[in-house]
Each structure stands twice: as C-alpha cells, then as structure tokens.
C-alpha cells in the first residue's frame, strides 16, 4: 500500500479545484484540461512555496581590494627622446 503525504493530497485537491475554475472561466469548453491543470498547479504551488524556496540565498558581495597609492596617482607622462644630430 502506498502512503501519500497529507500536504500533497491537500494540494492536489486545491489544484483540481483551481483547474476547474480556470475551465469554467474559459467558458467550459473541453480540450484544454492539461493547460488548465498546469496553470492551476503553477498558481497553487507558488502560493504555498516556503519563503526559502521563493528567494534563494544570495552570496555576500565580494569586497574590492583597496587601491594602493601607486594605483591612485595619475599615470606618468612619456618624455620624448631627443634626436641626436
């Protein structure tokens, strides 16, 4: 005997109800039951998702290395070599 999780069973019922509502909103025309089910599943699962799954934890931003005094000074100007005559 296969045991089902009560939460899964509860959500399946909620999904089925929402899929039926979508079917009725479309005018109760047959032929798009699968799309109704998938849309209902998306809506229900996103509404029941735990906060941890909604926004994955972000890595802390890396600190940039402090600039050394040499890196902050203006670049040196090139001096032209004198031509020998």
C-alpha atoms as a PDB file:
ATOM      1  CA  UNK A   1       0.000   0.000   0.000  1.00  0.00           C
ATOM      2  CA  UNK A   2       1.350   3.417  -0.954  1.00  0.00           C
ATOM      3  CA  UNK A   3       1.042   6.114   1.643  1.00  0.00           C
ATOM      4  CA  UNK A   4       0.613   9.669   0.398  1.00  0.00           C
ATOM      5  CA  UNK A   5       1.648  12.783   2.199  1.00  0.00           C
ATOM      6  CA  UNK A   6      -1.346  14.748   3.529  1.00  0.00           C
ATOM      7  CA  UNK A   7       0.142  18.006   2.245  1.00  0.00           C
ATOM      8  CA  UNK A   8       0.448  16.561  -1.251  1.00  0.00           C
ATOM      9  CA  UNK A   9      -3.114  15.258  -1.134  1.00  0.00           C
ATOM     10  CA  UNK A  10      -4.391  18.606   0.112  1.00  0.00           C
ATOM     11  CA  UNK A  11      -2.576  20.489  -2.632  1.00  0.00           C
ATOM     12  CA  UNK A  12      -3.830  18.089  -5.282  1.00  0.00           C
ATOM     13  CA  UNK A  13      -7.388  18.908  -4.260  1.00  0.00           C
ATOM     14  CA  UNK A  14      -6.660  22.634  -4.311  1.00  0.00           C
ATOM     15  CA  UNK A  15      -5.043  22.305  -7.732  1.00  0.00           C
ATOM     16  CA  UNK A  16      -8.010  20.331  -9.050  1.00  0.00           C
ATOM     17  CA  UNK A  17     -10.426  22.965  -7.762  1.00  0.00           C
ATOM     18  CA  UNK A  18      -8.431  25.790  -9.336  1.00  0.00           C
ATOM     19  CA  UNK A  19      -8.134  23.894 -12.646  1.00  0.00           C
ATOM     20  CA  UNK A  20     -11.919  23.517 -12.673  1.00  0.00           C
ATOM     21  CA  UNK A  21     -12.311  27.244 -12.006  1.00  0.00           C
ATOM     22  CA  UNK A  22      -9.991  28.027 -14.925  1.00  0.00           C
ATOM     23  CA  UNK A  23     -12.020  25.645 -17.102  1.00  0.00           C
ATOM     24  CA  UNK A  24     -15.197  27.482 -16.178  1.00  0.00           C
ATOM     25  CA  UNK A  25     -13.590  30.886 -16.772  1.00  0.00           C
ATOM     26  CA  UNK A  26     -12.713  29.731 -20.301  1.00  0.00           C
ATOM     27  CA  UNK A  27     -16.374  29.039 -20.953  1.00  0.00           C
ATOM     28  CA  UNK A  28     -16.343  25.335 -20.019  1.00  0.00           C
ATOM     29  CA  UNK A  29     -15.072  24.295 -23.455  1.00  0.00           C
ATOM     30  CA  UNK A  30     -13.251  20.927 -23.391  1.00  0.00           C
ATOM     31  CA  UNK A  31      -9.838  20.335 -24.907  1.00  0.00           C
ATOM     32  CA  UNK A  32      -7.501  22.386 -22.694  1.00  0.00           C
ATOM     33  CA  UNK A  33      -7.710  20.402 -19.468  1.00  0.00           C
ATOM     34  CA  UNK A  34      -3.973  19.796 -19.332  1.00  0.00           C
ATOM     35  CA  UNK A  35      -3.152  23.505 -19.739  1.00  0.00           C
ATOM     36  CA  UNK A  36      -5.734  24.350 -17.052  1.00  0.00           C
ATOM     37  CA  UNK A  37      -4.133  21.830 -14.705  1.00  0.00           C
ATOM     38  CA  UNK A  38      -0.607  23.149 -15.309  1.00  0.00           C
ATOM     39  CA  UNK A  39      -1.688  26.751 -14.786  1.00  0.00           C
ATOM     40  CA  UNK A  40      -3.544  25.817 -11.598  1.00  0.00           C
ATOM     41  CA  UNK A  41      -0.515  23.865 -10.392  1.00  0.00           C
ATOM     42  CA  UNK A  42       1.765  26.871 -11.006  1.00  0.00           C
ATOM     43  CA  UNK A  43      -0.576  29.195  -9.122  1.00  0.00           C
ATOM     44  CA  UNK A  44      -1.145  26.881  -6.158  1.00  0.00           C
ATOM     45  CA  UNK A  45       2.464  25.792  -5.747  1.00  0.00           C
ATOM     46  CA  UNK A  46       3.777  29.356  -5.939  1.00  0.00           C
ATOM     47  CA  UNK A  47       1.247  30.431  -3.318  1.00  0.00           C
ATOM     48  CA  UNK A  48       2.215  27.550  -0.992  1.00  0.00           C
ATOM     49  CA  UNK A  49       6.000  27.652  -1.547  1.00  0.00           C
ATOM     50  CA  UNK A  50       8.084  28.251   1.563  1.00  0.00           C
ATOM     51  CA  UNK A  51       9.911  31.579   1.709  1.00  0.00           C
ATOM     52  CA  UNK A  52      13.291  29.849   1.422  1.00  0.00           C
ATOM     53  CA  UNK A  53      12.389  28.452  -1.998  1.00  0.00           C
ATOM     54  CA  UNK A  54      10.957  31.724  -3.300  1.00  0.00           C
ATOM     55  CA  UNK A  55      14.169  33.698  -2.939  1.00  0.00           C
ATOM     56  CA  UNK A  56      17.387  31.703  -2.962  1.00  0.00           C
ATOM     57  CA  UNK A  57      20.033  32.909  -0.564  1.00  0.00           C
ATOM     58  CA  UNK A  58      22.457  35.293  -2.200  1.00  0.00           C
ATOM     59  CA  UNK A  59      26.166  35.191  -1.651  1.00  0.00           C
ATOM     60  CA  UNK A  60      27.512  38.252   0.121  1.00  0.00           C
ATOM     61  CA  UNK A  61      29.108  40.738  -2.224  1.00  0.00           C
ATOM     62  CA  UNK A  62      32.861  40.482  -2.515  1.00  0.00           C
ATOM     63  CA  UNK A  63      34.796  43.401  -1.177  1.00  0.00           C
ATOM     64  CA  UNK A  64      37.061  45.080  -3.674  1.00  0.00           C
ATOM     65  CA  UNK A  65      40.706  45.303  -2.853  1.00  0.00           C
ATOM     66  CA  UNK A  66      41.803  48.665  -1.511  1.00  0.00           C
ATOM     67  CA  UNK A  67      43.665  50.697  -4.080  1.00  0.00           C
ATOM     68  CA  UNK A  68      47.318  51.266  -3.350  1.00  0.00           C
ATOM     69  CA  UNK A  69      48.683  54.805  -3.507  1.00  0.00           C
ATOM     70  CA  UNK A  70      50.537  53.960  -6.731  1.00  0.00           C
ATOM     71  CA  UNK A  71      47.292  52.859  -8.357  1.00  0.00           C
ATOM     72  CA  UNK A  72      45.533  56.094  -7.458  1.00  0.00           C
ATOM     73  CA  UNK A  73      48.121  58.514  -8.834  1.00  0.00           C
ATOM     74  CA  UNK A  74      47.941  59.862 -12.346  1.00  0.00           C
ATOM     75  CA  UNK A  75      49.969  57.997 -14.961  1.00  0.00           C
ATOM     76  CA  UNK A  76      53.390  59.415 -15.780  1.00  0.00           C
ATOM     77  CA  UNK A  77      53.809  61.372 -18.958  1.00  0.00           C
ATOM     78  CA  UNK A  78      56.189  59.974 -21.510  1.00  0.00           C
ATOM     79  CA  UNK A  79      59.133  62.093 -22.282  1.00  0.00           C
ATOM     80  CA  UNK A  80      60.283  62.348 -25.832  1.00  0.00           C
ATOM     81  CA  UNK A  81      63.806  61.214 -26.573  1.00  0.00           C
ATOM     82  CA  UNK A  82      65.999  63.859 -28.074  1.00  0.00           C
ATOM     83  CA  UNK A  83      67.264  63.118 -31.540  1.00  0.00           C
ATOM     84  CA  UNK A  84      70.994  63.155 -31.980  1.00  0.00           C
ATOM     85  CA  UNK A  85      72.229  65.268 -34.863  1.00  0.00           C
END
